[in-house]
Protein backbone atom coordinates (compact mmCIF):
# COMPACT_ATOMS: atom_id res chain seq x y z
CA MET A 1 -7.01 11.59 -4.34
CA THR A 2 -5.04 9.21 -6.55
CA ALA A 3 -5.62 5.52 -5.94
CA VAL A 4 -2.68 3.13 -6.20
CA ARG A 5 -3.12 -0.11 -8.14
CA PRO A 6 -0.75 -2.83 -6.87
CA ALA A 7 1.61 -4.42 -9.39
CA GLU A 8 -0.06 -7.83 -9.00
CA GLY A 9 -3.48 -6.43 -9.87
CA PRO A 10 -6.50 -5.45 -7.79
CA PRO A 11 -7.28 -7.72 -4.83
CA ARG A 12 -10.37 -9.83 -4.36
CA VAL A 13 -12.62 -8.17 -1.79
CA LEU A 14 -15.18 -9.65 0.59
CA ALA A 15 -17.49 -7.11 2.24
CA ILE A 16 -19.46 -9.05 4.84
CA HIS A 17 -21.91 -7.72 7.42
CA CYS A 18 -25.04 -8.79 9.22
CA HIS A 19 -28.11 -7.53 7.32
CA PRO A 20 -28.90 -6.31 3.81
CA ASP A 21 -28.18 -2.53 3.68
CA ASP A 22 -25.51 -2.53 6.44
CA LEU A 23 -22.65 -2.53 3.94
CA GLU A 24 -24.15 0.23 1.82
CA ILE A 25 -24.60 2.44 4.90
CA GLN A 26 -21.20 1.82 6.45
CA CYS A 27 -18.84 1.37 3.49
CA GLY A 28 -20.81 1.85 0.26
CA GLY A 29 -18.62 4.65 -1.06
CA THR A 30 -15.43 2.69 -0.43
CA LEU A 31 -16.92 -0.30 -2.24
CA CYS A 32 -17.61 1.95 -5.23
CA ARG A 33 -13.97 3.04 -5.26
CA LEU A 34 -12.76 -0.55 -5.05
CA ALA A 35 -15.09 -1.53 -7.89
CA ASP A 36 -13.65 1.30 -9.98
CA LEU A 37 -10.19 -0.20 -9.44
CA GLY A 38 -11.39 -3.44 -10.97
CA CYS A 39 -11.57 -5.42 -7.73
CA GLU A 40 -13.63 -8.60 -7.78
CA ILE A 41 -16.12 -7.94 -4.96
CA THR A 42 -18.40 -10.25 -3.03
CA LEU A 43 -21.10 -8.71 -0.82
CA ALA A 44 -22.25 -11.10 1.90
CA THR A 45 -24.83 -10.82 4.64
CA LEU A 46 -25.27 -13.25 7.50
CA THR A 47 -29.06 -12.89 7.32
CA ALA A 48 -31.66 -11.96 4.75
CA GLY A 49 -33.10 -9.35 7.11
CA ASP A 50 -36.03 -11.59 7.99
CA LEU A 51 -37.33 -9.38 10.83
CA GLY A 52 -37.21 -6.10 8.93
CA SER A 53 -40.94 -5.57 8.46
CA ALA A 54 -44.05 -4.78 10.45
CA ASP A 55 -46.56 -5.94 7.83
CA ARG A 56 -45.01 -8.91 6.00
CA THR A 57 -44.23 -12.44 7.15
CA ARG A 58 -40.61 -13.40 7.82
CA GLU A 59 -40.52 -15.42 4.62
CA GLU A 60 -41.97 -12.55 2.58
CA ILE A 61 -39.61 -9.86 3.87
CA ALA A 62 -36.61 -12.18 3.58
CA ALA A 63 -37.41 -12.73 -0.11
CA VAL A 64 -37.89 -8.99 -0.66
CA ARG A 65 -34.64 -8.10 1.05
CA ARG A 66 -32.63 -10.77 -0.76
CA ALA A 67 -33.87 -9.28 -4.02
CA GLU A 68 -32.98 -5.76 -2.87
CA ALA A 69 -29.49 -6.89 -1.86
CA GLN A 70 -29.04 -8.59 -5.22
CA ARG A 71 -30.05 -5.38 -7.03
CA SER A 72 -27.49 -3.42 -5.04
CA ALA A 73 -24.79 -5.98 -5.80
CA ASP A 74 -25.69 -5.94 -9.50
CA LEU A 75 -25.49 -2.15 -9.55
CA LEU A 76 -22.02 -2.33 -7.99
CA GLY A 77 -20.90 -5.14 -10.29
CA ALA A 78 -20.47 -7.50 -7.34
CA THR A 79 -21.57 -11.01 -6.35
CA TYR A 80 -24.08 -11.43 -3.51
CA ASP A 81 -23.95 -14.25 -0.95
CA CYS A 82 -26.63 -14.59 1.77
CA LEU A 83 -25.57 -17.00 4.52
CA GLY A 84 -29.09 -17.82 5.73
CA LEU A 85 -28.85 -17.06 9.44
CA ASN A 86 -31.72 -15.27 11.20
CA ASP A 87 -32.09 -11.75 12.60
CA LEU A 88 -31.64 -11.29 16.36
CA THR A 89 -30.34 -14.84 16.75
CA ILE A 90 -26.75 -14.28 15.59
CA THR A 91 -24.69 -16.33 18.02
CA HIS A 92 -20.96 -16.68 18.51
CA ASP A 93 -20.86 -20.46 18.27
CA ASP A 94 -19.11 -23.11 16.21
CA ALA A 95 -22.00 -23.77 13.84
CA SER A 96 -22.23 -20.08 12.90
CA ARG A 97 -18.45 -19.82 12.66
CA ARG A 98 -18.37 -22.62 10.11
CA VAL A 99 -21.09 -20.94 8.03
CA VAL A 100 -19.12 -17.69 7.94
CA THR A 101 -15.82 -19.48 7.32
CA ALA A 102 -17.38 -21.20 4.31
CA ALA A 103 -18.35 -17.77 2.94
CA VAL A 104 -14.79 -16.50 3.35
CA ARG A 105 -13.48 -19.58 1.58
CA ARG A 106 -15.94 -19.15 -1.30
CA ALA A 107 -14.86 -15.55 -1.82
CA ARG A 108 -11.14 -16.24 -1.24
CA PRO A 109 -10.45 -12.57 -0.47
CA GLU A 110 -7.21 -10.73 0.04
CA LEU A 111 -9.17 -7.88 1.66
CA ILE A 112 -12.17 -8.13 4.02
CA LEU A 113 -14.38 -5.24 5.14
CA THR A 114 -16.74 -6.07 7.99
CA ALA A 115 -18.84 -4.87 10.91
CA PRO A 116 -17.13 -3.03 13.78
CA PRO A 117 -16.70 -4.81 17.13
CA ILE A 118 -18.90 -2.17 18.78
CA ASP A 119 -22.18 -0.93 17.32
CA TYR A 120 -25.76 -0.10 18.24
CA MET A 121 -27.05 -3.71 18.17
CA SER A 122 -25.66 -7.07 19.18
CA ASP A 123 -26.23 -8.70 15.78
CA HIS A 124 -23.59 -6.37 14.34
CA GLU A 125 -21.14 -6.97 17.16
CA VAL A 126 -21.48 -10.76 17.03
CA ALA A 127 -21.17 -10.69 13.25
CA SER A 128 -17.90 -8.80 13.64
CA ARG A 129 -16.54 -11.47 15.98
CA LEU A 130 -17.65 -14.29 13.68
CA VAL A 131 -15.95 -12.69 10.68
CA ARG A 132 -12.79 -12.16 12.69
CA ASP A 133 -12.80 -15.85 13.63
CA ALA A 134 -13.60 -16.93 10.08
CA ALA A 135 -10.83 -14.81 8.58
CA PHE A 136 -8.42 -16.77 10.77
CA ALA A 137 -10.07 -20.18 10.34
CA ALA A 138 -10.41 -19.99 6.56
CA SER A 139 -6.77 -20.98 6.01
CA VAL A 140 -6.76 -23.77 8.63
CA PRO A 141 -6.93 -27.00 6.56
CA LEU A 142 -8.42 -29.20 9.28
CA TYR A 143 -11.26 -26.78 10.09
CA GLU A 144 -13.95 -28.31 7.92
CA CYS A 145 -16.92 -26.37 6.56
CA GLY A 146 -17.52 -27.80 3.11
CA GLU A 147 -15.18 -25.45 1.25
CA PRO A 148 -11.43 -25.81 0.55
CA PRO A 149 -9.10 -23.74 2.75
CA THR A 150 -7.61 -20.48 1.55
CA GLU A 151 -3.90 -20.00 0.98
CA ARG A 152 -3.22 -16.92 3.10
CA MET A 153 -4.54 -14.65 5.82
CA PRO A 154 -6.57 -11.70 4.51
CA HIS A 155 -6.22 -8.05 5.39
CA LEU A 156 -9.14 -7.36 7.75
CA TYR A 157 -10.80 -3.97 8.31
CA TYR A 158 -13.71 -2.88 10.48
CA CYS A 159 -16.15 -0.22 9.23
CA ASP A 160 -17.29 2.73 11.30
CA PRO A 161 -20.21 1.92 13.60
CA VAL A 162 -23.54 3.57 12.83
CA GLY A 163 -23.34 7.15 14.10
CA HIS A 164 -19.60 6.72 14.72
CA ALA A 165 -20.16 5.65 18.33
CA GLY A 166 -20.60 2.56 20.46
CA PRO A 167 -23.77 1.57 22.34
CA LEU A 168 -22.91 3.83 25.30
CA GLY A 169 -22.11 6.79 23.08
CA GLU A 170 -18.37 6.26 23.23
CA PRO A 171 -16.71 7.79 20.15
CA TRP A 172 -15.06 5.50 17.60
CA ARG A 173 -11.79 6.79 16.16
CA PRO A 174 -11.04 5.47 12.67
CA GLY A 175 -7.49 4.46 11.84
CA ILE A 176 -7.87 5.43 8.20
CA VAL A 177 -10.41 7.62 6.42
CA VAL A 178 -11.29 7.13 2.74
CA ASP A 179 -12.48 10.07 0.64
CA VAL A 180 -15.80 9.14 -1.00
CA SER A 181 -16.83 12.61 -2.16
CA ASP A 182 -17.05 11.54 -5.79
CA GLN A 183 -18.90 8.34 -4.84
CA ILE A 184 -21.54 9.69 -2.44
CA GLU A 185 -24.40 9.70 -4.96
CA ARG A 186 -23.53 6.17 -6.07
CA LYS A 187 -23.41 5.08 -2.42
CA LEU A 188 -26.90 6.47 -1.87
CA GLU A 189 -28.09 4.82 -5.08
CA LEU A 190 -26.90 1.47 -3.73
CA LEU A 191 -28.64 2.14 -0.43
CA ALA A 192 -31.85 3.17 -2.18
CA CYS A 193 -32.10 -0.37 -3.58
CA HIS A 194 -33.20 -1.37 -0.07
CA GLU A 195 -36.49 0.47 -0.40
CA SER A 196 -38.38 -1.79 2.02
CA GLN A 197 -36.32 -0.45 4.90
CA ARG A 198 -37.34 3.20 4.73
CA GLY A 199 -40.92 2.38 5.74
CA TRP A 200 -39.77 -0.15 8.34
CA LEU A 201 -37.42 2.30 10.06
CA ARG A 202 -40.02 5.05 9.97
CA LYS A 203 -42.58 2.80 11.67
CA GLN A 204 -40.35 0.87 14.10
CA HIS A 205 -37.68 3.45 15.02
CA GLY A 206 -39.50 6.70 14.32
CA ILE A 207 -36.81 7.67 11.82
CA ASP A 208 -37.53 8.92 8.30
CA GLU A 209 -34.05 9.79 7.12
CA TYR A 210 -32.75 6.58 5.60
CA LEU A 211 -30.65 8.23 2.90
CA ALA A 212 -30.17 11.51 4.75
CA GLY A 213 -28.60 9.75 7.72
CA ALA A 214 -26.07 7.95 5.54
CA ARG A 215 -25.20 11.23 3.83
CA ARG A 216 -24.83 13.04 7.16
CA TRP A 217 -22.53 10.39 8.67
CA SER A 218 -20.38 10.44 5.53
CA ALA A 219 -20.19 14.23 5.73
CA ALA A 220 -19.10 14.04 9.37
CA ARG A 221 -16.25 11.72 8.44
CA GLY A 222 -15.30 14.02 5.59
CA GLU A 223 -14.75 16.82 8.10
CA LEU A 224 -11.89 14.81 9.61
CA ILE A 225 -9.88 15.02 6.40
CA GLY A 226 -11.23 18.19 4.81
CA THR A 227 -13.38 16.54 2.15
CA ALA A 228 -17.11 16.62 1.50
CA TYR A 229 -17.69 12.95 2.31
CA ALA A 230 -15.65 10.06 3.68
CA GLU A 231 -15.80 6.67 5.42
CA GLY A 232 -13.63 5.42 8.25
CA PHE A 233 -12.06 2.05 9.03
CA ARG A 234 -9.82 0.39 11.58
CA GLN A 235 -7.48 -2.40 10.56
CA HIS A 236 -7.23 -5.65 12.53
CA LEU A 237 -3.55 -5.81 13.43
CA GLY A 238 -3.48 -8.92 15.59
CA HIS A 239 -1.20 -11.84 14.79
CA PRO A 240 -1.05 -13.40 12.19
CA HIS A 241 -2.97 -11.00 9.94
CA PRO A 242 -0.93 -8.84 7.55
CA THR A 243 -0.32 -5.38 8.98
CA ASP A 244 0.57 -3.43 5.85
CA ASP A 245 -2.29 -1.05 5.08
CA LEU A 246 -3.63 -2.53 1.84
CA LEU A 247 -6.91 -0.57 1.85
CA GLY A 248 -5.22 2.70 2.68
CA THR A 249 -2.62 2.19 -0.03
CA LEU A 250 -5.18 1.25 -2.66
CA LEU A 251 -7.34 4.31 -1.98
CA ALA A 252 -4.78 6.86 -0.73
CA ALA A 253 -6.57 7.03 2.62
CA GLU A 254 -5.61 9.52 5.31
CA ARG A 255 -4.79 8.92 8.98
CA PRO A 256 -6.30 11.88 10.82
CA HIS A 257 -5.39 10.70 14.33
CA ASP A 258 -1.73 9.77 13.76
CA ALA A 259 -0.52 13.08 15.13
CA ALA A 260 -2.94 13.05 18.08
């Protein structure tokens, strides 16, 4: 598919999620395509993944995972920003909102990719709500968080949830689907930077398919649009966010459910 570069140049992109590796799993291929367009990309995580180990201390695994996230960002050609919150304590409160708003203001994005409002764990869902709030608050001059306000509302998109379903198994229908067939190996290379998590998931969740799962979910999305691999998104269309489909236009995304 042919990507469209806007006349004013590629937009600044903030991809912000809860833990290191979430972005690579849920939108890594799309980030590769945006990087290829020349977009200035910031990868941000609310936490350093400080509970993601069964045999290291919180401080040790946080340091390991920050380094893994930085390697992934370097491989993509992006900047990495860790906001310093803690796993399983992500709370929808004003203090957290100001931390996330500061991150949005630092990145000054035109386009934000973030966690879906429904997913398999509450950290992801609360992160989604915080980013939604911060995307709005970033341009409010009197909302103080230590960073200057932005000039405009960003385009906001939610990634597919893990497994393409909510916590009760309810299916998630993407609004747009981005072909990442040519980027799938790069996506998995980004994900492989988070090597500490394969052993953790095998021990804690009984799952030993860290890369295989990401490939399988991307293949399932590809079936929607007749490609080998894809990733889905839904755009936040609430007032006063822009409603033109910037991501879809940039990457020639398809809308498989428009005729449904």
